[in-house]
């Protein structure tokens, strides 16, 4: 079974078609900060999704609300893309097929990852 201990910053990410997606720039285990989020949400008037992301990153990344809530519960890997115009992608643990010493292999294509 793959755990977040197997995934480290800087690993190359390969999709199911063998294409390079980018490199791991952040690993967030499932529910690691759930207690902080729930406590802050109970006393704050701020939007809960933005509050949660601020607790995780210190700033709110550009992630659709429905995706951010799912990623927060499940944990995720943030992937920084290659090239000047490529942005970041977020892969839930369920999208990781296998991990070797320096690479993560996804069970989906980069396009499918964008639509999860």
PDB file of N, CA and C in Angstrom:
ATOM      1  N   UNK A   1       0.839  -1.187   0.000  1.00  0.00           N
ATOM      2  CA  UNK A   1       0.000   0.000   0.000  1.00  0.00           C
ATOM      3  C   UNK A   1       0.883   1.251   0.000  1.00  0.00           C
ATOM      4  N   UNK A   2       0.545   2.205  -0.826  1.00  0.00           N
ATOM      5  CA  UNK A   2       1.299   3.446  -0.922  1.00  0.00           C
ATOM      6  C   UNK A   2       0.851   4.381   0.198  1.00  0.00           C
ATOM      7  N   UNK A   3       1.832   4.958   0.895  1.00  0.00           N
ATOM      8  CA  UNK A   3       1.527   5.951   1.920  1.00  0.00           C
ATOM      9  C   UNK A   3       2.267   7.235   1.589  1.00  0.00           C
ATOM     10  N   UNK A   4       1.920   8.291   2.290  1.00  0.00           N
ATOM     11  CA  UNK A   4       2.576   9.568   2.044  1.00  0.00           C
ATOM     12  C   UNK A   4       4.054   9.539   2.416  1.00  0.00           C
ATOM     13  N   UNK A   5       4.465   8.576   3.225  1.00  0.00           N
ATOM     14  CA  UNK A   5       5.884   8.430   3.554  1.00  0.00           C
ATOM     15  C   UNK A   5       6.717   8.078   2.323  1.00  0.00           C
ATOM     16  N   UNK A   6       6.069   7.471   1.317  1.00  0.00           N
ATOM     17  CA  UNK A   6       6.767   7.075   0.100  1.00  0.00           C
ATOM     18  C   UNK A   6       6.965   8.242  -0.872  1.00  0.00           C
ATOM     19  N   UNK A   7       6.229   9.329  -0.674  1.00  0.00           N
ATOM     20  CA  UNK A   7       6.233  10.453  -1.606  1.00  0.00           C
ATOM     21  C   UNK A   7       6.998  11.621  -0.986  1.00  0.00           C
ATOM     22  N   UNK A   8       7.987  12.136  -1.723  1.00  0.00           N
ATOM     23  CA  UNK A   8       8.771  13.264  -1.224  1.00  0.00           C
ATOM     24  C   UNK A   8       8.844  14.375  -2.271  1.00  0.00           C
ATOM     25  N   UNK A   9       9.046  15.569  -1.774  1.00  0.00           N
ATOM     26  CA  UNK A   9       9.166  16.742  -2.638  1.00  0.00           C
ATOM     27  C   UNK A   9      10.286  16.532  -3.653  1.00  0.00           C
ATOM     28  N   UNK A  10      10.020  16.924  -4.892  1.00  0.00           N
ATOM     29  CA  UNK A  10      11.011  16.818  -5.955  1.00  0.00           C
ATOM     30  C   UNK A  10      10.874  15.586  -6.833  1.00  0.00           C
ATOM     31  N   UNK A  11      10.051  14.609  -6.421  1.00  0.00           N
ATOM     32  CA  UNK A  11       9.881  13.401  -7.243  1.00  0.00           C
ATOM     33  C   UNK A  11       9.215  13.758  -8.572  1.00  0.00           C
ATOM     34  N   UNK A  12       9.620  13.087  -9.622  1.00  0.00           N
ATOM     35  CA  UNK A  12       9.030  13.259 -10.938  1.00  0.00           C
ATOM     36  C   UNK A  12       7.693  12.523 -10.967  1.00  0.00           C
ATOM     37  N   UNK A  13       6.678  13.139 -11.577  1.00  0.00           N
ATOM     38  CA  UNK A  13       5.348  12.545 -11.672  1.00  0.00           C
ATOM     39  C   UNK A  13       5.072  12.179 -13.127  1.00  0.00           C
ATOM     40  N   UNK A  14       4.698  10.908 -13.350  1.00  0.00           N
ATOM     41  CA  UNK A  14       4.426  10.370 -14.682  1.00  0.00           C
ATOM     42  C   UNK A  14       2.966   9.945 -14.744  1.00  0.00           C
ATOM     43  N   UNK A  15       2.267  10.321 -15.824  1.00  0.00           N
ATOM     44  CA  UNK A  15       0.860   9.907 -15.935  1.00  0.00           C
ATOM     45  C   UNK A  15       0.742   8.502 -16.523  1.00  0.00           C
ATOM     46  N   UNK A  16      -0.478   8.019 -16.671  1.00  0.00           N
ATOM     47  CA  UNK A  16      -0.704   6.645 -17.120  1.00  0.00           C
ATOM     48  C   UNK A  16      -0.298   6.411 -18.575  1.00  0.00           C
ATOM     49  N   UNK A  17      -0.087   7.481 -19.334  1.00  0.00           N
ATOM     50  CA  UNK A  17       0.374   7.358 -20.712  1.00  0.00           C
ATOM     51  C   UNK A  17       1.894   7.512 -20.824  1.00  0.00           C
ATOM     52  N   UNK A  18       2.572   7.607 -19.689  1.00  0.00           N
ATOM     53  CA  UNK A  18       4.022   7.721 -19.686  1.00  0.00           C
ATOM     54  C   UNK A  18       4.550   9.129 -19.868  1.00  0.00           C
ATOM     55  N   UNK A  19       3.680  10.116 -19.810  1.00  0.00           N
ATOM     56  CA  UNK A  19       4.096  11.512 -19.995  1.00  0.00           C
ATOM     57  C   UNK A  19       4.467  12.141 -18.654  1.00  0.00           C
ATOM     58  N   UNK A  20       5.500  12.986 -18.669  1.00  0.00           N
ATOM     59  CA  UNK A  20       5.894  13.713 -17.465  1.00  0.00           C
ATOM     60  C   UNK A  20       4.870  14.805 -17.184  1.00  0.00           C
ATOM     61  N   UNK A  21       4.357  14.814 -15.963  1.00  0.00           N
ATOM     62  CA  UNK A  21       3.367  15.804 -15.554  1.00  0.00           C
ATOM     63  C   UNK A  21       4.040  16.970 -14.841  1.00  0.00           C
ATOM     64  N   UNK A  22       5.075  16.688 -14.086  1.00  0.00           N
ATOM     65  CA  UNK A  22       5.780  17.712 -13.322  1.00  0.00           C
ATOM     66  C   UNK A  22       6.511  17.072 -12.161  1.00  0.00           C
ATOM     67  N   UNK A  23       6.749  17.864 -11.123  1.00  0.00           N
ATOM     68  CA  UNK A  23       7.435  17.370  -9.929  1.00  0.00           C
ATOM     69  C   UNK A  23       6.613  17.690  -8.686  1.00  0.00           C
ATOM     70  N   UNK A  24       6.731  16.828  -7.695  1.00  0.00           N
ATOM     71  CA  UNK A  24       6.026  17.027  -6.429  1.00  0.00           C
ATOM     72  C   UNK A  24       6.583  18.280  -5.755  1.00  0.00           C
ATOM     73  N   UNK A  25       5.684  19.199  -5.417  1.00  0.00           N
ATOM     74  CA  UNK A  25       6.119  20.404  -4.715  1.00  0.00           C
ATOM     75  C   UNK A  25       5.569  20.465  -3.288  1.00  0.00           C
ATOM     76  N   UNK A  26       4.591  19.616  -2.984  1.00  0.00           N
ATOM     77  CA  UNK A  26       4.022  19.594  -1.630  1.00  0.00           C
ATOM     78  C   UNK A  26       3.282  18.280  -1.428  1.00  0.00           C
ATOM     79  N   UNK A  27       3.383  17.734  -0.227  1.00  0.00           N
ATOM     80  CA  UNK A  27       2.646  16.523   0.136  1.00  0.00           C
ATOM     81  C   UNK A  27       1.807  16.838   1.355  1.00  0.00           C
ATOM     82  N   UNK A  28       0.506  16.629   1.274  1.00  0.00           N
ATOM     83  CA  UNK A  28      -0.400  16.896   2.395  1.00  0.00           C
ATOM     84  C   UNK A  28      -1.148  15.620   2.758  1.00  0.00           C
ATOM     85  N   UNK A  29      -0.797  14.997   3.882  1.00  0.00           N
ATOM     86  CA  UNK A  29      -1.491  13.774   4.301  1.00  0.00           C
ATOM     87  C   UNK A  29      -2.962  14.030   4.608  1.00  0.00           C
ATOM     88  N   UNK A  30      -3.742  13.004   4.524  1.00  0.00           N
ATOM     89  CA  UNK A  30      -5.182  13.103   4.783  1.00  0.00           C
ATOM     90  C   UNK A  30      -5.454  13.568   6.205  1.00  0.00           C
ATOM     91  N   UNK A  31      -6.309  14.569   6.327  1.00  0.00           N
ATOM     92  CA  UNK A  31      -6.838  15.046   7.605  1.00  0.00           C
ATOM     93  C   UNK A  31      -5.802  15.447   8.639  1.00  0.00           C
ATOM     94  N   UNK A  32      -4.587  15.705   8.243  1.00  0.00           N
ATOM     95  CA  UNK A  32      -3.565  16.054   9.225  1.00  0.00           C
ATOM     96  C   UNK A  32      -3.931  17.299  10.030  1.00  0.00           C
ATOM     97  N   UNK A  33      -4.574  18.257   9.394  1.00  0.00           N
ATOM     98  CA  UNK A  33      -4.893  19.513  10.075  1.00  0.00           C
ATOM     99  C   UNK A  33      -6.387  19.664  10.330  1.00  0.00           C
ATOM    100  N   UNK A  34      -7.108  18.577  10.348  1.00  0.00           N
ATOM    101  CA  UNK A  34      -8.556  18.643  10.517  1.00  0.00           C
ATOM    102  C   UNK A  34      -8.934  19.287  11.846  1.00  0.00           C
ATOM    103  N   UNK A  35      -8.216  19.008  12.908  1.00  0.00           N
ATOM    104  CA  UNK A  35      -8.542  19.587  14.213  1.00  0.00           C
ATOM    105  C   UNK A  35      -8.357  21.106  14.188  1.00  0.00           C
ATOM    106  N   UNK A  36      -7.249  21.579  13.592  1.00  0.00           N
ATOM    107  CA  UNK A  36      -7.013  23.028  13.482  1.00  0.00           C
ATOM    108  C   UNK A  36      -8.121  23.687  12.677  1.00  0.00           C
ATOM    109  N   UNK A  37      -8.488  23.053  11.572  1.00  0.00           N
ATOM    110  CA  UNK A  37      -9.532  23.609  10.720  1.00  0.00           C
ATOM    111  C   UNK A  37     -10.872  23.659  11.436  1.00  0.00           C
ATOM    112  N   UNK A  38     -11.258  22.570  12.078  1.00  0.00           N
ATOM    113  CA  UNK A  38     -12.556  22.535  12.750  1.00  0.00           C
ATOM    114  C   UNK A  38     -12.629  23.556  13.882  1.00  0.00           C
ATOM    115  N   UNK A  39     -11.541  23.727  14.629  1.00  0.00           N
ATOM    116  CA  UNK A  39     -11.522  24.719  15.712  1.00  0.00           C
ATOM    117  C   UNK A  39     -11.645  26.128  15.146  1.00  0.00           C
ATOM    118  N   UNK A  40     -10.864  26.429  14.103  1.00  0.00           N
ATOM    119  CA  UNK A  40     -10.909  27.760  13.501  1.00  0.00           C
ATOM    120  C   UNK A  40     -12.257  28.032  12.855  1.00  0.00           C
ATOM    121  N   UNK A  41     -12.830  27.037  12.218  1.00  0.00           N
ATOM    122  CA  UNK A  41     -14.116  27.209  11.541  1.00  0.00           C
ATOM    123  C   UNK A  41     -15.231  27.487  12.538  1.00  0.00           C
ATOM    124  N   UNK A  42     -15.118  26.932  13.744  1.00  0.00           N
ATOM    125  CA  UNK A  42     -16.182  27.108  14.736  1.00  0.00           C
ATOM    126  C   UNK A  42     -16.231  28.530  15.291  1.00  0.00           C
ATOM    127  N   UNK A  43     -15.135  29.286  15.196  1.00  0.00           N
ATOM    128  CA  UNK A  43     -15.102  30.640  15.749  1.00  0.00           C
ATOM    129  C   UNK A  43     -14.930  31.722  14.681  1.00  0.00           C
ATOM    130  N   UNK A  44     -14.881  31.349  13.414  1.00  0.00           N
ATOM    131  CA  UNK A  44     -14.609  32.299  12.351  1.00  0.00           C
ATOM    132  C   UNK A  44     -15.841  32.560  11.498  1.00  0.00           C
ATOM    133  N   UNK A  45     -15.883  33.776  10.936  1.00  0.00           N
ATOM    134  CA  UNK A  45     -16.935  34.107   9.977  1.00  0.00           C
ATOM    135  C   UNK A  45     -16.410  33.994   8.548  1.00  0.00           C
ATOM    136  N   UNK A  46     -15.139  33.648   8.380  1.00  0.00           N
ATOM    137  CA  UNK A  46     -14.526  33.486   7.056  1.00  0.00           C
ATOM    138  C   UNK A  46     -15.088  32.259   6.363  1.00  0.00           C
ATOM    139  N   UNK A  47     -15.111  32.281   5.039  1.00  0.00           N
ATOM    140  CA  UNK A  47     -15.530  31.139   4.235  1.00  0.00           C
ATOM    141  C   UNK A  47     -14.751  29.898   4.672  1.00  0.00           C
ATOM    142  N   UNK A  48     -15.435  28.795   5.015  1.00  0.00           N
ATOM    143  CA  UNK A  48     -14.742  27.603   5.526  1.00  0.00           C
ATOM    144  C   UNK A  48     -13.688  27.032   4.584  1.00  0.00           C
ATOM    145  N   UNK A  49     -13.924  27.057   3.291  1.00  0.00           N
ATOM    146  CA  UNK A  49     -12.953  26.501   2.345  1.00  0.00           C
ATOM    147  C   UNK A  49     -11.677  27.337   2.358  1.00  0.00           C
ATOM    148  N   UNK A  50     -11.821  28.646   2.284  1.00  0.00           N
ATOM    149  CA  UNK A  50     -10.635  29.506   2.315  1.00  0.00           C
ATOM    150  C   UNK A  50      -9.914  29.407   3.654  1.00  0.00           C
ATOM    151  N   UNK A  51     -10.658  29.285   4.727  1.00  0.00           N
ATOM    152  CA  UNK A  51     -10.068  29.117   6.051  1.00  0.00           C
ATOM    153  C   UNK A  51      -9.239  27.841   6.107  1.00  0.00           C
ATOM    154  N   UNK A  52      -9.796  26.758   5.566  1.00  0.00           N
ATOM    155  CA  UNK A  52      -9.100  25.471   5.557  1.00  0.00           C
ATOM    156  C   UNK A  52      -7.804  25.568   4.758  1.00  0.00           C
ATOM    157  N   UNK A  53      -7.870  26.154   3.583  1.00  0.00           N
ATOM    158  CA  UNK A  53      -6.679  26.253   2.738  1.00  0.00           C
ATOM    159  C   UNK A  53      -5.629  27.169   3.346  1.00  0.00           C
ATOM    160  N   UNK A  54      -6.068  28.207   4.032  1.00  0.00           N
ATOM    161  CA  UNK A  54      -5.127  29.079   4.719  1.00  0.00           C
ATOM    162  C   UNK A  54      -4.424  28.305   5.831  1.00  0.00           C
ATOM    163  N   UNK A  55      -5.155  27.438   6.529  1.00  0.00           N
ATOM    164  CA  UNK A  55      -4.550  26.622   7.582  1.00  0.00           C
ATOM    165  C   UNK A  55      -3.502  25.679   7.006  1.00  0.00           C
ATOM    166  N   UNK A  56      -3.736  25.174   5.798  1.00  0.00           N
ATOM    167  CA  UNK A  56      -2.810  24.232   5.178  1.00  0.00           C
ATOM    168  C   UNK A  56      -1.604  24.947   4.582  1.00  0.00           C
ATOM    169  N   UNK A  57      -1.856  25.969   3.781  1.00  0.00           N
ATOM    170  CA  UNK A  57      -0.789  26.579   2.997  1.00  0.00           C
ATOM    171  C   UNK A  57      -0.296  27.918   3.531  1.00  0.00           C
ATOM    172  N   UNK A  58      -1.059  28.541   4.393  1.00  0.00           N
ATOM    173  CA  UNK A  58      -0.711  29.886   4.816  1.00  0.00           C
ATOM    174  C   UNK A  58      -1.291  30.916   3.859  1.00  0.00           C
ATOM    175  N   UNK A  59      -1.784  30.474   2.738  1.00  0.00           N
ATOM    176  CA  UNK A  59      -2.440  31.316   1.741  1.00  0.00           C
ATOM    177  C   UNK A  59      -3.367  30.424   0.937  1.00  0.00           C
ATOM    178  N   UNK A  60      -4.353  31.018   0.303  1.00  0.00           N
ATOM    179  CA  UNK A  60      -5.329  30.236  -0.440  1.00  0.00           C
ATOM    180  C   UNK A  60      -4.843  29.996  -1.866  1.00  0.00           C
ATOM    181  N   UNK A  61      -4.547  28.725  -2.246  1.00  0.00           N
ATOM    182  CA  UNK A  61      -4.160  28.451  -3.625  1.00  0.00           C
ATOM    183  C   UNK A  61      -5.375  28.528  -4.545  1.00  0.00           C
ATOM    184  N   UNK A  62      -5.144  28.617  -5.819  1.00  0.00           N
ATOM    185  CA  UNK A  62      -6.247  28.692  -6.776  1.00  0.00           C
ATOM    186  C   UNK A  62      -6.744  27.282  -7.092  1.00  0.00           C
ATOM    187  N   UNK A  63      -7.691  26.826  -6.297  1.00  0.00           N
ATOM    188  CA  UNK A  63      -8.270  25.499  -6.458  1.00  0.00           C
ATOM    189  C   UNK A  63      -9.783  25.661  -6.370  1.00  0.00           C
ATOM    190  N   UNK A  64     -10.553  25.057  -7.291  1.00  0.00           N
ATOM    191  CA  UNK A  64     -12.008  25.140  -7.188  1.00  0.00           C
ATOM    192  C   UNK A  64     -12.495  24.620  -5.836  1.00  0.00           C
ATOM    193  N   UNK A  65     -13.533  25.254  -5.289  1.00  0.00           N
ATOM    194  CA  UNK A  65     -14.021  24.900  -3.959  1.00  0.00           C
ATOM    195  C   UNK A  65     -14.338  23.423  -3.792  1.00  0.00           C
ATOM    196  N   UNK A  66     -15.040  22.846  -4.769  1.00  0.00           N
ATOM    197  CA  UNK A  66     -15.425  21.437  -4.621  1.00  0.00           C
ATOM    198  C   UNK A  66     -14.201  20.515  -4.610  1.00  0.00           C
ATOM    199  N   UNK A  67     -13.167  20.869  -5.350  1.00  0.00           N
ATOM    200  CA  UNK A  67     -11.938  20.085  -5.371  1.00  0.00           C
ATOM    201  C   UNK A  67     -11.168  20.260  -4.067  1.00  0.00           C
ATOM    202  N   UNK A  68     -11.091  21.471  -3.563  1.00  0.00           N
ATOM    203  CA  UNK A  68     -10.314  21.719  -2.348  1.00  0.00           C
ATOM    204  C   UNK A  68     -10.878  20.962  -1.156  1.00  0.00           C
ATOM    205  N   UNK A  69     -12.182  20.906  -1.023  1.00  0.00           N
ATOM    206  CA  UNK A  69     -12.786  20.181   0.100  1.00  0.00           C
ATOM    207  C   UNK A  69     -12.468  18.691   0.014  1.00  0.00           C
ATOM    208  N   UNK A  70     -12.550  18.128  -1.182  1.00  0.00           N
ATOM    209  CA  UNK A  70     -12.241  16.711  -1.379  1.00  0.00           C
ATOM    210  C   UNK A  70     -10.774  16.409  -1.084  1.00  0.00           C
ATOM    211  N   UNK A  71      -9.885  17.271  -1.576  1.00  0.00           N
ATOM    212  CA  UNK A  71      -8.462  17.072  -1.347  1.00  0.00           C
ATOM    213  C   UNK A  71      -8.117  17.172   0.133  1.00  0.00           C
ATOM    214  N   UNK A  72      -8.744  18.094   0.826  1.00  0.00           N
ATOM    215  CA  UNK A  72      -8.474  18.276   2.247  1.00  0.00           C
ATOM    216  C   UNK A  72      -8.811  17.004   3.026  1.00  0.00           C
ATOM    217  N   UNK A  73      -9.941  16.407   2.715  1.00  0.00           N
ATOM    218  CA  UNK A  73     -10.347  15.182   3.415  1.00  0.00           C
ATOM    219  C   UNK A  73      -9.460  13.998   3.065  1.00  0.00           C
ATOM    220  N   UNK A  74      -9.088  13.878   1.795  1.00  0.00           N
ATOM    221  CA  UNK A  74      -8.371  12.692   1.320  1.00  0.00           C
ATOM    222  C   UNK A  74      -6.852  12.822   1.400  1.00  0.00           C
ATOM    223  N   UNK A  75      -6.353  14.030   1.484  1.00  0.00           N
ATOM    224  CA  UNK A  75      -4.912  14.254   1.370  1.00  0.00           C
ATOM    225  C   UNK A  75      -4.540  14.313  -0.099  1.00  0.00           C
ATOM    226  N   UNK A  76      -3.399  14.913  -0.402  1.00  0.00           N
ATOM    227  CA  UNK A  76      -3.044  15.100  -1.805  1.00  0.00           C
ATOM    228  C   UNK A  76      -1.567  15.361  -1.986  1.00  0.00           C
ATOM    229  N   UNK A  77      -1.175  15.339  -3.263  1.00  0.00           N
ATOM    230  CA  UNK A  77       0.171  15.717  -3.685  1.00  0.00           C
ATOM    231  C   UNK A  77      -0.008  16.886  -4.651  1.00  0.00           C
ATOM    232  N   UNK A  78       0.712  17.978  -4.397  1.00  0.00           N
ATOM    233  CA  UNK A  78       0.701  19.114  -5.320  1.00  0.00           C
ATOM    234  C   UNK A  78       1.827  18.906  -6.307  1.00  0.00           C
ATOM    235  N   UNK A  79       1.514  19.040  -7.589  1.00  0.00           N
ATOM    236  CA  UNK A  79       2.478  18.815  -8.660  1.00  0.00           C
ATOM    237  C   UNK A  79       2.727  20.129  -9.384  1.00  0.00           C
ATOM    238  N   UNK A  80       3.967  20.573  -9.405  1.00  0.00           N
ATOM    239  CA  UNK A  80       4.335  21.770 -10.160  1.00  0.00           C
ATOM    240  C   UNK A  80       4.691  21.334 -11.568  1.00  0.00           C
ATOM    241  N   UNK A  81       4.016  21.944 -12.546  1.00  0.00           N
ATOM    242  CA  UNK A  81       4.222  21.564 -13.937  1.00  0.00           C
ATOM    243  C   UNK A  81       5.531  22.063 -14.511  1.00  0.00           C
ATOM    244  N   UNK A  82       5.889  21.506 -15.671  1.00  0.00           N
ATOM    245  CA  UNK A  82       7.084  21.923 -16.407  1.00  0.00           C
ATOM    246  C   UNK A  82       6.734  23.110 -17.291  1.00  0.00           C
ATOM    247  N   UNK A  83       7.657  23.990 -17.475  1.00  0.00           N
ATOM    248  CA  UNK A  83       7.476  25.069 -18.435  1.00  0.00           C
ATOM    249  C   UNK A  83       6.914  26.338 -17.830  1.00  0.00           C
ATOM    250  N   UNK A  84       7.046  27.409 -18.586  1.00  0.00           N
ATOM    251  CA  UNK A  84       6.654  28.738 -18.142  1.00  0.00           C
ATOM    252  C   UNK A  84       5.154  28.870 -17.903  1.00  0.00           C
ATOM    253  N   UNK A  85       4.329  28.292 -18.757  1.00  0.00           N
ATOM    254  CA  UNK A  85       2.883  28.485 -18.677  1.00  0.00           C
ATOM    255  C   UNK A  85       2.159  27.372 -17.948  1.00  0.00           C
ATOM    256  N   UNK A  86       2.874  26.385 -17.492  1.00  0.00           N
ATOM    257  CA  UNK A  86       2.193  25.293 -16.798  1.00  0.00           C
ATOM    258  C   UNK A  86       1.987  25.671 -15.342  1.00  0.00           C
ATOM    259  N   UNK A  87       0.833  25.299 -14.842  1.00  0.00           N
ATOM    260  CA  UNK A  87       0.504  25.599 -13.456  1.00  0.00           C
ATOM    261  C   UNK A  87       0.657  24.372 -12.583  1.00  0.00           C
ATOM    262  N   UNK A  88       0.064  24.452 -11.435  1.00  0.00           N
ATOM    263  CA  UNK A  88       0.094  23.333 -10.501  1.00  0.00           C
ATOM    264  C   UNK A  88      -1.119  22.442 -10.697  1.00  0.00           C
ATOM    265  N   UNK A  89      -0.926  21.183 -10.381  1.00  0.00           N
ATOM    266  CA  UNK A  89      -2.017  20.211 -10.381  1.00  0.00           C
ATOM    267  C   UNK A  89      -2.045  19.571  -9.002  1.00  0.00           C
ATOM    268  N   UNK A  90      -3.186  19.011  -8.654  1.00  0.00           N
ATOM    269  CA  UNK A  90      -3.351  18.373  -7.360  1.00  0.00           C
ATOM    270  C   UNK A  90      -3.832  16.946  -7.574  1.00  0.00           C
ATOM    271  N   UNK A  91      -3.093  15.981  -7.027  1.00  0.00           N
ATOM    272  CA  UNK A  91      -3.439  14.569  -7.192  1.00  0.00           C
ATOM    273  C   UNK A  91      -3.820  13.966  -5.848  1.00  0.00           C
ATOM    274  N   UNK A  92      -5.055  13.450  -5.748  1.00  0.00           N
ATOM    275  CA  UNK A  92      -5.408  12.731  -4.521  1.00  0.00           C
ATOM    276  C   UNK A  92      -4.619  11.428  -4.446  1.00  0.00           C
ATOM    277  N   UNK A  93      -4.443  10.906  -3.258  1.00  0.00           N
ATOM    278  CA  UNK A  93      -3.681   9.666  -3.078  1.00  0.00           C
ATOM    279  C   UNK A  93      -4.239   8.543  -3.948  1.00  0.00           C
ATOM    280  N   UNK A  94      -5.540   8.508  -4.145  1.00  0.00           N
ATOM    281  CA  UNK A  94      -6.165   7.458  -4.950  1.00  0.00           C
ATOM    282  C   UNK A  94      -5.706   7.481  -6.402  1.00  0.00           C
ATOM    283  N   UNK A  95      -5.155   8.602  -6.868  1.00  0.00           N
ATOM    284  CA  UNK A  95      -4.700   8.705  -8.262  1.00  0.00           C
ATOM    285  C   UNK A  95      -3.267   8.207  -8.439  1.00  0.00           C
ATOM    286  N   UNK A  96      -2.600   7.827  -7.346  1.00  0.00           N
ATOM    287  CA  UNK A  96      -1.225   7.340  -7.436  1.00  0.00           C
ATOM    288  C   UNK A  96      -1.240   5.820  -7.536  1.00  0.00           C
ATOM    289  N   UNK A  97      -0.707   5.314  -8.644  1.00  0.00           N
ATOM    290  CA  UNK A  97      -0.681   3.883  -8.903  1.00  0.00           C
ATOM    291  C   UNK A  97       0.482   3.206  -8.185  1.00  0.00           C
ATOM    292  N   UNK A  98       1.679   3.800  -8.341  1.00  0.00           N
ATOM    293  CA  UNK A  98       2.857   3.227  -7.689  1.00  0.00           C
ATOM    294  C   UNK A  98       3.934   4.298  -7.551  1.00  0.00           C
ATOM    295  N   UNK A  99       4.921   3.980  -6.708  1.00  0.00           N
ATOM    296  CA  UNK A  99       6.026   4.891  -6.436  1.00  0.00           C
ATOM    297  C   UNK A  99       7.315   4.088  -6.456  1.00  0.00           C
ATOM    298  N   UNK A 100       8.354   4.622  -7.142  1.00  0.00           N
ATOM    299  CA  UNK A 100       9.674   3.991  -7.033  1.00  0.00           C
ATOM    300  C   UNK A 100      10.605   4.986  -6.345  1.00  0.00           C
ATOM    301  N   UNK A 101      11.894   4.810  -6.441  1.00  0.00           N
ATOM    302  CA  UNK A 101      12.837   5.658  -5.711  1.00  0.00           C
ATOM    303  C   UNK A 101      12.752   7.144  -6.047  1.00  0.00           C
ATOM    304  N   UNK A 102      12.442   7.469  -7.287  1.00  0.00           N
ATOM    305  CA  UNK A 102      12.465   8.876  -7.684  1.00  0.00           C
ATOM    306  C   UNK A 102      11.242   9.323  -8.480  1.00  0.00           C
ATOM    307  N   UNK A 103      10.267   8.430  -8.669  1.00  0.00           N
ATOM    308  CA  UNK A 103       9.107   8.759  -9.501  1.00  0.00           C
ATOM    309  C   UNK A 103       7.800   8.296  -8.882  1.00  0.00           C
ATOM    310  N   UNK A 104       6.750   9.051  -9.233  1.00  0.00           N
ATOM    311  CA  UNK A 104       5.383   8.682  -8.892  1.00  0.00           C
ATOM    312  C   UNK A 104       4.677   8.398 -10.205  1.00  0.00           C
ATOM    313  N   UNK A 105       3.981   7.287 -10.272  1.00  0.00           N
ATOM    314  CA  UNK A 105       3.225   6.924 -11.469  1.00  0.00           C
ATOM    315  C   UNK A 105       1.737   7.032 -11.153  1.00  0.00           C
ATOM    316  N   UNK A 106       1.039   7.841 -11.959  1.00  0.00           N
ATOM    317  CA  UNK A 106      -0.390   8.031 -11.751  1.00  0.00           C
ATOM    318  C   UNK A 106      -1.194   6.942 -12.439  1.00  0.00           C
ATOM    319  N   UNK A 107      -2.385   6.701 -11.947  1.00  0.00           N
ATOM    320  CA  UNK A 107      -3.286   5.726 -12.555  1.00  0.00           C
ATOM    321  C   UNK A 107      -4.207   6.399 -13.572  1.00  0.00           C
ATOM    322  N   UNK A 108      -3.940   7.662 -13.896  1.00  0.00           N
ATOM    323  CA  UNK A 108      -4.769   8.409 -14.841  1.00  0.00           C
ATOM    324  C   UNK A 108      -3.868   9.308 -15.687  1.00  0.00           C
ATOM    325  N   UNK A 109      -4.449   9.888 -16.719  1.00  0.00           N
ATOM    326  CA  UNK A 109      -3.708  10.838 -17.542  1.00  0.00           C
ATOM    327  C   UNK A 109      -3.699  12.202 -16.851  1.00  0.00           C
ATOM    328  N   UNK A 110      -2.841  13.084 -17.316  1.00  0.00           N
ATOM    329  CA  UNK A 110      -2.810  14.446 -16.765  1.00  0.00           C
ATOM    330  C   UNK A 110      -4.153  15.129 -16.992  1.00  0.00           C
ATOM    331  N   UNK A 111      -4.766  14.895 -18.153  1.00  0.00           N
ATOM    332  CA  UNK A 111      -6.073  15.494 -18.442  1.00  0.00           C
ATOM    333  C   UNK A 111      -7.131  14.980 -17.464  1.00  0.00           C
ATOM    334  N   UNK A 112      -7.140  13.690 -17.188  1.00  0.00           N
ATOM    335  CA  UNK A 112      -8.097  13.125 -16.240  1.00  0.00           C
ATOM    336  C   UNK A 112      -7.873  13.705 -14.842  1.00  0.00           C
ATOM    337  N   UNK A 113      -6.635  13.923 -14.488  1.00  0.00           N
ATOM    338  CA  UNK A 113      -6.309  14.511 -13.197  1.00  0.00           C
ATOM    339  C   UNK A 113      -6.930  15.905 -13.076  1.00  0.00           C
ATOM    340  N   UNK A 114      -6.896  16.650 -14.161  1.00  0.00           N
ATOM    341  CA  UNK A 114      -7.472  17.998 -14.158  1.00  0.00           C
ATOM    342  C   UNK A 114      -8.984  17.999 -14.018  1.00  0.00           C
ATOM    343  N   UNK A 115      -9.620  16.890 -14.352  1.00  0.00           N
ATOM    344  CA  UNK A 115     -11.086  16.834 -14.292  1.00  0.00           C
ATOM    345  C   UNK A 115     -11.610  16.034 -13.099  1.00  0.00           C
ATOM    346  N   UNK A 116     -10.727  15.584 -12.239  1.00  0.00           N
ATOM    347  CA  UNK A 116     -11.165  14.799 -11.055  1.00  0.00           C
ATOM    348  C   UNK A 116     -11.901  15.668 -10.074  1.00  0.00           C
TER     349      UNK A 116
END
